[in-house]
Amino acid sequence: MQIEDFMNRASVMFPGFDAMRGLNRLSLDMTEKLLFFQLDRARGYTDIALKQWREALDVRDAASLQNFLAARGEVAQQVTRQMQDDFKKLAEISNDYSRESQKIVREQSGKKAA
């Protein structure tokens, strides 16, 4: 039996088979998207931390310490902005998943009704 025959028979025998396959594919795609997002953000936050560490190592006197400490406010704002952007991106990914999964289920329901 070829795989196409198996898939056709499974679709007939198990009415939710196509929806299940679609949802599994969607879940895999979303998992991949989330993993790459997390890797990218880990890199981004690591870069910020390493930059701060390097700048701290450059403190040599009271003036450079004062400059270093004065810049922490901007760094905190940068991190806050980045976190806000990250939460927005995660919400978009979640909304995409919800919208696409509902679409798959609707399409399968339409096939059953036909």
PDB file of N, CA and C in Angstrom:
ATOM      1  N   MET A   1       0.843  -1.177   0.000  1.00  0.00           N
ATOM      2  CA  MET A   1       0.000   0.000   0.000  1.00  0.00           C
ATOM      3  C   MET A   1       0.890   1.242   0.000  1.00  0.00           C
ATOM      4  N   GLN A   2       0.579   2.163  -0.862  1.00  0.00           N
ATOM      5  CA  GLN A   2       1.350   3.397  -0.910  1.00  0.00           C
ATOM      6  C   GLN A   2       0.812   4.373   0.121  1.00  0.00           C
ATOM      7  N   ILE A   3       1.633   5.329   0.422  1.00  0.00           N
ATOM      8  CA  ILE A   3       1.256   6.295   1.463  1.00  0.00           C
ATOM      9  C   ILE A   3       0.009   7.084   1.067  1.00  0.00           C
ATOM     10  N   GLU A   4      -0.136   7.384  -0.202  1.00  0.00           N
ATOM     11  CA  GLU A   4      -1.328   8.121  -0.658  1.00  0.00           C
ATOM     12  C   GLU A   4      -2.596   7.314  -0.411  1.00  0.00           C
ATOM     13  N   ASP A   5      -2.523   6.012  -0.675  1.00  0.00           N
ATOM     14  CA  ASP A   5      -3.683   5.147  -0.409  1.00  0.00           C
ATOM     15  C   ASP A   5      -4.004   5.134   1.074  1.00  0.00           C
ATOM     16  N   PHE A   6      -2.969   5.016   1.879  1.00  0.00           N
ATOM     17  CA  PHE A   6      -3.170   5.012   3.328  1.00  0.00           C
ATOM     18  C   PHE A   6      -3.827   6.307   3.785  1.00  0.00           C
ATOM     19  N   MET A   7      -3.329   7.437   3.292  1.00  0.00           N
ATOM     20  CA  MET A   7      -3.877   8.730   3.705  1.00  0.00           C
ATOM     21  C   MET A   7      -5.338   8.864   3.265  1.00  0.00           C
ATOM     22  N   ASN A   8      -5.634   8.430   2.054  1.00  0.00           N
ATOM     23  CA  ASN A   8      -7.016   8.499   1.575  1.00  0.00           C
ATOM     24  C   ASN A   8      -7.939   7.617   2.412  1.00  0.00           C
ATOM     25  N   ARG A   9      -7.503   6.400   2.709  1.00  0.00           N
ATOM     26  CA  ARG A   9      -8.309   5.497   3.525  1.00  0.00           C
ATOM     27  C   ARG A   9      -8.472   6.029   4.944  1.00  0.00           C
ATOM     28  N   ALA A  10      -7.407   6.580   5.495  1.00  0.00           N
ATOM     29  CA  ALA A  10      -7.485   7.141   6.855  1.00  0.00           C
ATOM     30  C   ALA A  10      -8.461   8.310   6.889  1.00  0.00           C
ATOM     31  N   SER A  11      -8.450   9.128   5.845  1.00  0.00           N
ATOM     32  CA  SER A  11      -9.361  10.278   5.787  1.00  0.00           C
ATOM     33  C   SER A  11     -10.814   9.833   5.749  1.00  0.00           C
ATOM     34  N   VAL A  12     -11.068   8.710   5.058  1.00  0.00           N
ATOM     35  CA  VAL A  12     -12.429   8.195   4.963  1.00  0.00           C
ATOM     36  C   VAL A  12     -12.841   7.522   6.272  1.00  0.00           C
ATOM     37  N   MET A  13     -11.943   6.721   6.838  1.00  0.00           N
ATOM     38  CA  MET A  13     -12.267   5.971   8.053  1.00  0.00           C
ATOM     39  C   MET A  13     -12.353   6.856   9.289  1.00  0.00           C
ATOM     40  N   PHE A  14     -11.531   7.869   9.343  1.00  0.00           N
ATOM     41  CA  PHE A  14     -11.476   8.764  10.502  1.00  0.00           C
ATOM     42  C   PHE A  14     -11.751  10.187  10.025  1.00  0.00           C
ATOM     43  N   PRO A  15     -12.989  10.644  10.142  1.00  0.00           N
ATOM     44  CA  PRO A  15     -13.371  11.945   9.583  1.00  0.00           C
ATOM     45  C   PRO A  15     -12.523  13.127  10.078  1.00  0.00           C
ATOM     46  N   GLY A  16     -11.948  13.026  11.245  1.00  0.00           N
ATOM     47  CA  GLY A  16     -11.133  14.124  11.773  1.00  0.00           C
ATOM     48  C   GLY A  16      -9.661  14.026  11.414  1.00  0.00           C
ATOM     49  N   PHE A  17      -9.307  13.017  10.607  1.00  0.00           N
ATOM     50  CA  PHE A  17      -7.904  12.772  10.286  1.00  0.00           C
ATOM     51  C   PHE A  17      -7.241  13.962   9.608  1.00  0.00           C
ATOM     52  N   ASP A  18      -7.904  14.545   8.617  1.00  0.00           N
ATOM     53  CA  ASP A  18      -7.311  15.685   7.907  1.00  0.00           C
ATOM     54  C   ASP A  18      -7.133  16.888   8.834  1.00  0.00           C
ATOM     55  N   ALA A  19      -8.125  17.116   9.683  1.00  0.00           N
ATOM     56  CA  ALA A  19      -8.008  18.220  10.637  1.00  0.00           C
ATOM     57  C   ALA A  19      -6.871  17.965  11.613  1.00  0.00           C
ATOM     58  N   MET A  20      -6.771  16.716  12.068  1.00  0.00           N
ATOM     59  CA  MET A  20      -5.694  16.369  12.995  1.00  0.00           C
ATOM     60  C   MET A  20      -4.332  16.608  12.344  1.00  0.00           C
ATOM     61  N   ARG A  21      -4.183  16.177  11.113  1.00  0.00           N
ATOM     62  CA  ARG A  21      -2.915  16.401  10.398  1.00  0.00           C
ATOM     63  C   ARG A  21      -2.637  17.897  10.250  1.00  0.00           C
ATOM     64  N   GLY A  22      -3.670  18.646   9.898  1.00  0.00           N
ATOM     65  CA  GLY A  22      -3.495  20.090   9.751  1.00  0.00           C
ATOM     66  C   GLY A  22      -3.111  20.759  11.061  1.00  0.00           C
ATOM     67  N   LEU A  23      -3.765  20.353  12.142  1.00  0.00           N
ATOM     68  CA  LEU A  23      -3.446  20.922  13.454  1.00  0.00           C
ATOM     69  C   LEU A  23      -2.045  20.524  13.905  1.00  0.00           C
ATOM     70  N   ASN A  24      -1.657  19.292  13.620  1.00  0.00           N
ATOM     71  CA  ASN A  24      -0.301  18.869  13.967  1.00  0.00           C
ATOM     72  C   ASN A  24       0.741  19.660  13.177  1.00  0.00           C
ATOM     73  N   ARG A  25       0.491  19.870  11.895  1.00  0.00           N
ATOM     74  CA  ARG A  25       1.412  20.656  11.072  1.00  0.00           C
ATOM     75  C   ARG A  25       1.498  22.099  11.596  1.00  0.00           C
ATOM     76  N   LEU A  26       0.331  22.666  11.926  1.00  0.00           N
ATOM     77  CA  LEU A  26       0.296  24.014  12.477  1.00  0.00           C
ATOM     78  C   LEU A  26       1.061  24.083  13.799  1.00  0.00           C
ATOM     79  N   SER A  27       0.870  23.089  14.660  1.00  0.00           N
ATOM     80  CA  SER A  27       1.576  23.070  15.945  1.00  0.00           C
ATOM     81  C   SER A  27       3.082  22.999  15.751  1.00  0.00           C
ATOM     82  N   LEU A  28       3.505  22.181  14.803  1.00  0.00           N
ATOM     83  CA  LEU A  28       4.935  22.089  14.521  1.00  0.00           C
ATOM     84  C   LEU A  28       5.479  23.417  13.994  1.00  0.00           C
ATOM     85  N   ASP A  29       4.744  24.042  13.083  1.00  0.00           N
ATOM     86  CA  ASP A  29       5.174  25.337  12.544  1.00  0.00           C
ATOM     87  C   ASP A  29       5.263  26.397  13.641  1.00  0.00           C
ATOM     88  N   MET A  30       4.278  26.405  14.530  1.00  0.00           N
ATOM     89  CA  MET A  30       4.273  27.391  15.611  1.00  0.00           C
ATOM     90  C   MET A  30       5.379  27.096  16.626  1.00  0.00           C
ATOM     91  N   THR A  31       5.640  25.831  16.878  1.00  0.00           N
ATOM     92  CA  THR A  31       6.731  25.467  17.779  1.00  0.00           C
ATOM     93  C   THR A  31       8.058  25.954  17.209  1.00  0.00           C
ATOM     94  N   GLU A  32       8.240  25.738  15.923  1.00  0.00           N
ATOM     95  CA  GLU A  32       9.465  26.213  15.271  1.00  0.00           C
ATOM     96  C   GLU A  32       9.582  27.732  15.357  1.00  0.00           C
ATOM     97  N   LYS A  33       8.479  28.417  15.104  1.00  0.00           N
ATOM     98  CA  LYS A  33       8.482  29.877  15.169  1.00  0.00           C
ATOM     99  C   LYS A  33       8.844  30.356  16.581  1.00  0.00           C
ATOM    100  N   LEU A  34       8.252  29.720  17.596  1.00  0.00           N
ATOM    101  CA  LEU A  34       8.551  30.084  18.982  1.00  0.00           C
ATOM    102  C   LEU A  34      10.000  29.784  19.358  1.00  0.00           C
ATOM    103  N   LEU A  35      10.510  28.652  18.918  1.00  0.00           N
ATOM    104  CA  LEU A  35      11.899  28.316  19.234  1.00  0.00           C
ATOM    105  C   LEU A  35      12.869  29.319  18.627  1.00  0.00           C
ATOM    106  N   PHE A  36      12.651  29.675  17.370  1.00  0.00           N
ATOM    107  CA  PHE A  36      13.536  30.655  16.737  1.00  0.00           C
ATOM    108  C   PHE A  36      13.396  32.025  17.389  1.00  0.00           C
ATOM    109  N   PHE A  37      12.175  32.368  17.781  1.00  0.00           N
ATOM    110  CA  PHE A  37      11.954  33.626  18.492  1.00  0.00           C
ATOM    111  C   PHE A  37      12.728  33.621  19.805  1.00  0.00           C
ATOM    112  N   GLN A  38      12.629  32.531  20.561  1.00  0.00           N
ATOM    113  CA  GLN A  38      13.319  32.439  21.847  1.00  0.00           C
ATOM    114  C   GLN A  38      14.832  32.486  21.681  1.00  0.00           C
ATOM    115  N   LEU A  39      15.340  31.797  20.679  1.00  0.00           N
ATOM    116  CA  LEU A  39      16.782  31.831  20.432  1.00  0.00           C
ATOM    117  C   LEU A  39      17.240  33.245  20.082  1.00  0.00           C
ATOM    118  N   ASP A  40      16.472  33.909  19.244  1.00  0.00           N
ATOM    119  CA  ASP A  40      16.809  35.284  18.861  1.00  0.00           C
ATOM    120  C   ASP A  40      16.783  36.215  20.064  1.00  0.00           C
ATOM    121  N   ARG A  41      15.758  36.084  20.901  1.00  0.00           N
ATOM    122  CA  ARG A  41      15.645  36.964  22.063  1.00  0.00           C
ATOM    123  C   ARG A  41      16.726  36.646  23.094  1.00  0.00           C
ATOM    124  N   ALA A  42      17.050  35.373  23.256  1.00  0.00           N
ATOM    125  CA  ALA A  42      18.142  35.019  24.177  1.00  0.00           C
ATOM    126  C   ALA A  42      19.426  35.682  23.712  1.00  0.00           C
ATOM    127  N   ARG A  43      19.668  35.653  22.418  1.00  0.00           N
ATOM    128  CA  ARG A  43      20.864  36.308  21.861  1.00  0.00           C
ATOM    129  C   ARG A  43      20.815  37.815  22.108  1.00  0.00           C
ATOM    130  N   GLY A  44      19.658  38.410  21.875  1.00  0.00           N
ATOM    131  CA  GLY A  44      19.513  39.846  22.076  1.00  0.00           C
ATOM    132  C   GLY A  44      19.771  40.281  23.512  1.00  0.00           C
ATOM    133  N   TYR A  45      19.163  39.580  24.449  1.00  0.00           N
ATOM    134  CA  TYR A  45      19.360  39.934  25.859  1.00  0.00           C
ATOM    135  C   TYR A  45      20.783  39.613  26.321  1.00  0.00           C
ATOM    136  N   THR A  46      21.362  38.561  25.797  1.00  0.00           N
ATOM    137  CA  THR A  46      22.746  38.237  26.126  1.00  0.00           C
ATOM    138  C   THR A  46      23.678  39.328  25.621  1.00  0.00           C
ATOM    139  N   ASP A  47      23.426  39.826  24.414  1.00  0.00           N
ATOM    140  CA  ASP A  47      24.243  40.908  23.868  1.00  0.00           C
ATOM    141  C   ASP A  47      24.176  42.161  24.755  1.00  0.00           C
ATOM    142  N   ILE A  48      22.979  42.468  25.217  1.00  0.00           N
ATOM    143  CA  ILE A  48      22.820  43.635  26.104  1.00  0.00           C
ATOM    144  C   ILE A  48      23.614  43.420  27.392  1.00  0.00           C
ATOM    145  N   ALA A  49      23.483  42.246  27.984  1.00  0.00           N
ATOM    146  CA  ALA A  49      24.186  41.956  29.243  1.00  0.00           C
ATOM    147  C   ALA A  49      25.698  41.994  29.057  1.00  0.00           C
ATOM    148  N   LEU A  50      26.194  41.401  27.977  1.00  0.00           N
ATOM    149  CA  LEU A  50      27.641  41.398  27.748  1.00  0.00           C
ATOM    150  C   LEU A  50      28.174  42.814  27.518  1.00  0.00           C
ATOM    151  N   LYS A  51      27.400  43.620  26.813  1.00  0.00           N
ATOM    152  CA  LYS A  51      27.811  45.015  26.587  1.00  0.00           C
ATOM    153  C   LYS A  51      27.916  45.756  27.930  1.00  0.00           C
ATOM    154  N   GLN A  52      26.945  45.519  28.816  1.00  0.00           N
ATOM    155  CA  GLN A  52      26.972  46.176  30.129  1.00  0.00           C
ATOM    156  C   GLN A  52      28.165  45.701  30.947  1.00  0.00           C
ATOM    157  N   TRP A  53      28.458  44.462  30.859  1.00  0.00           N
ATOM    158  CA  TRP A  53      29.587  43.902  31.584  1.00  0.00           C
ATOM    159  C   TRP A  53      30.889  44.515  31.079  1.00  0.00           C
ATOM    160  N   ARG A  54      31.013  44.616  29.771  1.00  0.00           N
ATOM    161  CA  ARG A  54      32.229  45.221  29.196  1.00  0.00           C
ATOM    162  C   ARG A  54      32.369  46.689  29.606  1.00  0.00           C
ATOM    163  N   GLU A  55      31.252  47.392  29.587  1.00  0.00           N
ATOM    164  CA  GLU A  55      31.289  48.795  30.003  1.00  0.00           C
ATOM    165  C   GLU A  55      31.659  48.917  31.479  1.00  0.00           C
ATOM    166  N   ALA A  56      31.189  48.004  32.299  1.00  0.00           N
ATOM    167  CA  ALA A  56      31.535  48.034  33.724  1.00  0.00           C
ATOM    168  C   ALA A  56      33.028  47.793  33.913  1.00  0.00           C
ATOM    169  N   LEU A  57      33.609  46.948  33.073  1.00  0.00           N
ATOM    170  CA  LEU A  57      35.039  46.680  33.182  1.00  0.00           C
ATOM    171  C   LEU A  57      35.886  47.873  32.752  1.00  0.00           C
ATOM    172  N   ASP A  58      35.288  48.793  31.997  1.00  0.00           N
ATOM    173  CA  ASP A  58      36.008  49.990  31.557  1.00  0.00           C
ATOM    174  C   ASP A  58      36.015  51.107  32.601  1.00  0.00           C
ATOM    175  N   VAL A  59      35.297  50.909  33.710  1.00  0.00           N
ATOM    176  CA  VAL A  59      35.282  51.928  34.768  1.00  0.00           C
ATOM    177  C   VAL A  59      36.664  51.955  35.417  1.00  0.00           C
ATOM    178  N   ARG A  60      37.279  53.143  35.392  1.00  0.00           N
ATOM    179  CA  ARG A  60      38.645  53.293  35.911  1.00  0.00           C
ATOM    180  C   ARG A  60      38.770  54.348  37.026  1.00  0.00           C
ATOM    181  N   ASP A  61      37.771  55.244  37.034  1.00  0.00           N
ATOM    182  CA  ASP A  61      37.849  56.343  38.005  1.00  0.00           C
ATOM    183  C   ASP A  61      36.431  56.820  38.318  1.00  0.00           C
ATOM    184  N   ALA A  62      36.344  57.850  39.149  1.00  0.00           N
ATOM    185  CA  ALA A  62      35.044  58.349  39.580  1.00  0.00           C
ATOM    186  C   ALA A  62      34.227  58.886  38.409  1.00  0.00           C
ATOM    187  N   ALA A  63      34.874  59.552  37.476  1.00  0.00           N
ATOM    188  CA  ALA A  63      34.150  60.115  36.323  1.00  0.00           C
ATOM    189  C   ALA A  63      33.583  59.010  35.431  1.00  0.00           C
ATOM    190  N   SER A  64      34.380  57.982  35.155  1.00  0.00           N
ATOM    191  CA  SER A  64      33.878  56.893  34.314  1.00  0.00           C
ATOM    192  C   SER A  64      32.796  56.090  35.045  1.00  0.00           C
ATOM    193  N   LEU A  65      32.899  56.002  36.378  1.00  0.00           N
ATOM    194  CA  LEU A  65      31.857  55.351  37.158  1.00  0.00           C
ATOM    195  C   LEU A  65      30.560  56.141  37.076  1.00  0.00           C
ATOM    196  N   GLN A  66      30.684  57.453  37.194  1.00  0.00           N
ATOM    197  CA  GLN A  66      29.500  58.303  37.107  1.00  0.00           C
ATOM    198  C   GLN A  66      28.840  58.173  35.729  1.00  0.00           C
ATOM    199  N   ASN A  67      29.636  58.150  34.676  1.00  0.00           N
ATOM    200  CA  ASN A  67      29.095  57.987  33.324  1.00  0.00           C
ATOM    201  C   ASN A  67      28.428  56.622  33.161  1.00  0.00           C
ATOM    202  N   PHE A  68      29.080  55.612  33.691  1.00  0.00           N
ATOM    203  CA  PHE A  68      28.528  54.259  33.620  1.00  0.00           C
ATOM    204  C   PHE A  68      27.176  54.199  34.326  1.00  0.00           C
ATOM    205  N   LEU A  69      27.090  54.715  35.523  1.00  0.00           N
ATOM    206  CA  LEU A  69      25.850  54.673  36.284  1.00  0.00           C
ATOM    207  C   LEU A  69      24.765  55.528  35.643  1.00  0.00           C
ATOM    208  N   ALA A  70      25.149  56.643  35.050  1.00  0.00           N
ATOM    209  CA  ALA A  70      24.172  57.515  34.404  1.00  0.00           C
ATOM    210  C   ALA A  70      23.535  56.833  33.195  1.00  0.00           C
ATOM    211  N   ALA A  71      24.276  55.985  32.526  1.00  0.00           N
ATOM    212  CA  ALA A  71      23.768  55.300  31.329  1.00  0.00           C
ATOM    213  C   ALA A  71      22.826  54.141  31.662  1.00  0.00           C
ATOM    214  N   ARG A  72      22.763  53.722  32.920  1.00  0.00           N
ATOM    215  CA  ARG A  72      21.925  52.583  33.289  1.00  0.00           C
ATOM    216  C   ARG A  72      20.447  52.872  33.037  1.00  0.00           C
ATOM    217  N   GLY A  73      20.033  54.121  33.187  1.00  0.00           N
ATOM    218  CA  GLY A  73      18.629  54.478  32.929  1.00  0.00           C
ATOM    219  C   GLY A  73      18.244  54.202  31.485  1.00  0.00           C
ATOM    220  N   GLU A  74      19.113  54.569  30.558  1.00  0.00           N
ATOM    221  CA  GLU A  74      18.848  54.312  29.136  1.00  0.00           C
ATOM    222  C   GLU A  74      18.820  52.815  28.856  1.00  0.00           C
ATOM    223  N   VAL A  75      19.705  52.086  29.495  1.00  0.00           N
ATOM    224  CA  VAL A  75      19.726  50.629  29.310  1.00  0.00           C
ATOM    225  C   VAL A  75      18.419  50.030  29.824  1.00  0.00           C
ATOM    226  N   ALA A  76      17.960  50.482  30.972  1.00  0.00           N
ATOM    227  CA  ALA A  76      16.702  49.979  31.526  1.00  0.00           C
ATOM    228  C   ALA A  76      15.542  50.290  30.582  1.00  0.00           C
ATOM    229  N   GLN A  77      15.538  51.477  30.010  1.00  0.00           N
ATOM    230  CA  GLN A  77      14.490  51.825  29.048  1.00  0.00           C
ATOM    231  C   GLN A  77      14.578  50.949  27.800  1.00  0.00           C
ATOM    232  N   GLN A  78      15.790  50.695  27.332  1.00  0.00           N
ATOM    233  CA  GLN A  78      15.996  49.842  26.162  1.00  0.00           C
ATOM    234  C   GLN A  78      15.450  48.436  26.427  1.00  0.00           C
ATOM    235  N   VAL A  79      15.778  47.892  27.583  1.00  0.00           N
ATOM    236  CA  VAL A  79      15.305  46.543  27.927  1.00  0.00           C
ATOM    237  C   VAL A  79      13.783  46.527  28.058  1.00  0.00           C
ATOM    238  N   THR A  80      13.227  47.550  28.665  1.00  0.00           N
ATOM    239  CA  THR A  80      11.773  47.637  28.811  1.00  0.00           C
ATOM    240  C   THR A  80      11.093  47.699  27.448  1.00  0.00           C
ATOM    241  N   ARG A  81      11.607  48.507  26.534  1.00  0.00           N
ATOM    242  CA  ARG A  81      11.047  48.588  25.184  1.00  0.00           C
ATOM    243  C   ARG A  81      11.155  47.237  24.478  1.00  0.00           C
ATOM    244  N   GLN A  82      12.299  46.602  24.626  1.00  0.00           N
ATOM    245  CA  GLN A  82      12.492  45.306  23.975  1.00  0.00           C
ATOM    246  C   GLN A  82      11.529  44.266  24.523  1.00  0.00           C
ATOM    247  N   MET A  83      11.326  44.278  25.828  1.00  0.00           N
ATOM    248  CA  MET A  83      10.394  43.329  26.431  1.00  0.00           C
ATOM    249  C   MET A  83       8.963  43.582  25.955  1.00  0.00           C
ATOM    250  N   GLN A  84       8.588  44.835  25.842  1.00  0.00           N
ATOM    251  CA  GLN A  84       7.258  45.161  25.328  1.00  0.00           C
ATOM    252  C   GLN A  84       7.096  44.654  23.896  1.00  0.00           C
ATOM    253  N   ASP A  85       8.105  44.882  23.073  1.00  0.00           N
ATOM    254  CA  ASP A  85       8.066  44.388  21.693  1.00  0.00           C
ATOM    255  C   ASP A  85       7.987  42.857  21.670  1.00  0.00           C
ATOM    256  N   ASP A  86       8.730  42.220  22.552  1.00  0.00           N
ATOM    257  CA  ASP A  86       8.723  40.758  22.614  1.00  0.00           C
ATOM    258  C   ASP A  86       7.350  40.224  23.008  1.00  0.00           C
ATOM    259  N   PHE A  87       6.714  40.869  23.990  1.00  0.00           N
ATOM    260  CA  PHE A  87       5.379  40.430  24.399  1.00  0.00           C
ATOM    261  C   PHE A  87       4.372  40.618  23.272  1.00  0.00           C
ATOM    262  N   LYS A  88       4.513  41.706  22.521  1.00  0.00           N
ATOM    263  CA  LYS A  88       3.626  41.926  21.360  1.00  0.00           C
ATOM    264  C   LYS A  88       3.825  40.830  20.321  1.00  0.00           C
ATOM    265  N   LYS A  89       5.071  40.480  20.063  1.00  0.00           N
ATOM    266  CA  LYS A  89       5.365  39.431  19.091  1.00  0.00           C
ATOM    267  C   LYS A  89       4.804  38.091  19.551  1.00  0.00           C
ATOM    268  N   LEU A  90       4.947  37.774  20.833  1.00  0.00           N
ATOM    269  CA  LEU A  90       4.381  36.532  21.362  1.00  0.00           C
ATOM    270  C   LEU A  90       2.859  36.522  21.243  1.00  0.00           C
ATOM    271  N   ALA A  91       2.240  37.664  21.485  1.00  0.00           N
ATOM    272  CA  ALA A  91       0.780  37.756  21.335  1.00  0.00           C
ATOM    273  C   ALA A  91       0.381  37.541  19.879  1.00  0.00           C
ATOM    274  N   GLU A  92       1.157  38.085  18.938  1.00  0.00           N
ATOM    275  CA  GLU A  92       0.882  37.873  17.514  1.00  0.00           C
ATOM    276  C   GLU A  92       0.990  36.395  17.153  1.00  0.00           C
ATOM    277  N   ILE A  93       2.032  35.738  17.642  1.00  0.00           N
ATOM    278  CA  ILE A  93       2.210  34.313  17.364  1.00  0.00           C
ATOM    279  C   ILE A  93       1.032  33.521  17.929  1.00  0.00           C
ATOM    280  N   SER A  94       0.623  33.843  19.143  1.00  0.00           N
ATOM    281  CA  SER A  94      -0.508  33.168  19.770  1.00  0.00           C
ATOM    282  C   SER A  94      -1.793  33.406  18.983  1.00  0.00           C
ATOM    283  N   ASN A  95      -2.023  34.648  18.564  1.00  0.00           N
ATOM    284  CA  ASN A  95      -3.223  34.965  17.781  1.00  0.00           C
ATOM    285  C   ASN A  95      -3.207  34.253  16.433  1.00  0.00           C
ATOM    286  N   ASP A  96      -2.036  34.191  15.799  1.00  0.00           N
ATOM    287  CA  ASP A  96      -1.913  33.465  14.529  1.00  0.00           C
ATOM    288  C   ASP A  96      -2.278  32.007  14.718  1.00  0.00           C
ATOM    289  N   TYR A  97      -1.773  31.403  15.776  1.00  0.00           N
ATOM    290  CA  TYR A  97      -2.060  29.990  16.052  1.00  0.00           C
ATOM    291  C   TYR A  97      -3.559  29.778  16.255  1.00  0.00           C
ATOM    292  N   SER A  98      -4.153  30.632  17.057  1.00  0.00           N
ATOM    293  CA  SER A  98      -5.582  30.512  17.331  1.00  0.00           C
ATOM    294  C   SER A  98      -6.399  30.670  16.050  1.00  0.00           C
ATOM    295  N   ARG A  99      -6.088  31.677  15.264  1.00  0.00           N
ATOM    296  CA  ARG A  99      -6.807  31.945  14.023  1.00  0.00           C
ATOM    297  C   ARG A  99      -6.655  30.780  13.037  1.00  0.00           C
ATOM    298  N   GLU A 100      -5.443  30.292  12.882  1.00  0.00           N
ATOM    299  CA  GLU A 100      -5.197  29.200  11.933  1.00  0.00           C
ATOM    300  C   GLU A 100      -5.828  27.892  12.392  1.00  0.00           C
ATOM    301  N   SER A 101      -5.785  27.610  13.693  1.00  0.00           N
ATOM    302  CA  SER A 101      -6.396  26.369  14.181  1.00  0.00           C
ATOM    303  C   SER A 101      -7.913  26.423  14.014  1.00  0.00           C
ATOM    304  N   GLN A 102      -8.517  27.574  14.254  1.00  0.00           N
ATOM    305  CA  GLN A 102      -9.957  27.717  14.044  1.00  0.00           C
ATOM    306  C   GLN A 102     -10.311  27.549  12.568  1.00  0.00           C
ATOM    307  N   LYS A 103      -9.465  28.057  11.704  1.00  0.00           N
ATOM    308  CA  LYS A 103      -9.681  27.919  10.264  1.00  0.00           C
ATOM    309  C   LYS A 103      -9.657  26.448   9.854  1.00  0.00           C
ATOM    310  N   ILE A 104      -8.681  25.701  10.363  1.00  0.00           N
ATOM    311  CA  ILE A 104      -8.586  24.265  10.051  1.00  0.00           C
ATOM    312  C   ILE A 104      -9.839  23.531  10.520  1.00  0.00           C
ATOM    313  N   VAL A 105     -10.278  23.824  11.730  1.00  0.00           N
ATOM    314  CA  VAL A 105     -11.467  23.154  12.270  1.00  0.00           C
ATOM    315  C   VAL A 105     -12.704  23.536  11.462  1.00  0.00           C
ATOM    316  N   ARG A 106     -12.841  24.807  11.094  1.00  0.00           N
ATOM    317  CA  ARG A 106     -13.982  25.241  10.271  1.00  0.00           C
ATOM    318  C   ARG A 106     -13.989  24.532   8.922  1.00  0.00           C
ATOM    319  N   GLU A 107     -12.804  24.446   8.299  1.00  0.00           N
ATOM    320  CA  GLU A 107     -12.708  23.766   7.003  1.00  0.00           C
ATOM    321  C   GLU A 107     -13.120  22.302   7.134  1.00  0.00           C
ATOM    322  N   GLN A 108     -12.691  21.655   8.196  1.00  0.00           N
ATOM    323  CA  GLN A 108     -13.052  20.245   8.405  1.00  0.00           C
ATOM    324  C   GLN A 108     -14.551  20.125   8.673  1.00  0.00           C
ATOM    325  N   SER A 109     -15.103  21.036   9.422  1.00  0.00           N
ATOM    326  CA  SER A 109     -16.545  21.003   9.687  1.00  0.00           C
ATOM    327  C   SER A 109     -17.322  21.193   8.395  1.00  0.00           C
ATOM    328  N   GLY A 110     -16.821  22.052   7.522  1.00  0.00           N
ATOM    329  CA  GLY A 110     -17.474  22.269   6.225  1.00  0.00           C
ATOM    330  C   GLY A 110     -17.437  21.020   5.369  1.00  0.00           C
ATOM    331  N   LYS A 111     -16.351  20.261   5.428  1.00  0.00           N
ATOM    332  CA  LYS A 111     -16.256  19.016   4.671  1.00  0.00           C
ATOM    333  C   LYS A 111     -17.238  17.975   5.186  1.00  0.00           C
ATOM    334  N   LYS A 112     -17.421  17.945   6.512  1.00  0.00           N
ATOM    335  CA  LYS A 112     -18.357  16.973   7.089  1.00  0.00           C
ATOM    336  C   LYS A 112     -19.788  17.285   6.655  1.00  0.00           C
ATOM    337  N   ALA A 113     -20.102  18.590   6.620  1.00  0.00           N
ATOM    338  CA  ALA A 113     -21.460  18.990   6.273  1.00  0.00           C
ATOM    339  C   ALA A 113     -21.762  18.725   4.797  1.00  0.00           C
ATOM    340  N   ALA A 114     -20.726  18.715   3.980  1.00  0.00           N
ATOM    341  CA  ALA A 114     -20.958  18.542   2.538  1.00  0.00           C
ATOM    342  C   ALA A 114     -21.245  17.129   2.136  1.00  0.00           C
TER     343      ALA A 114
END
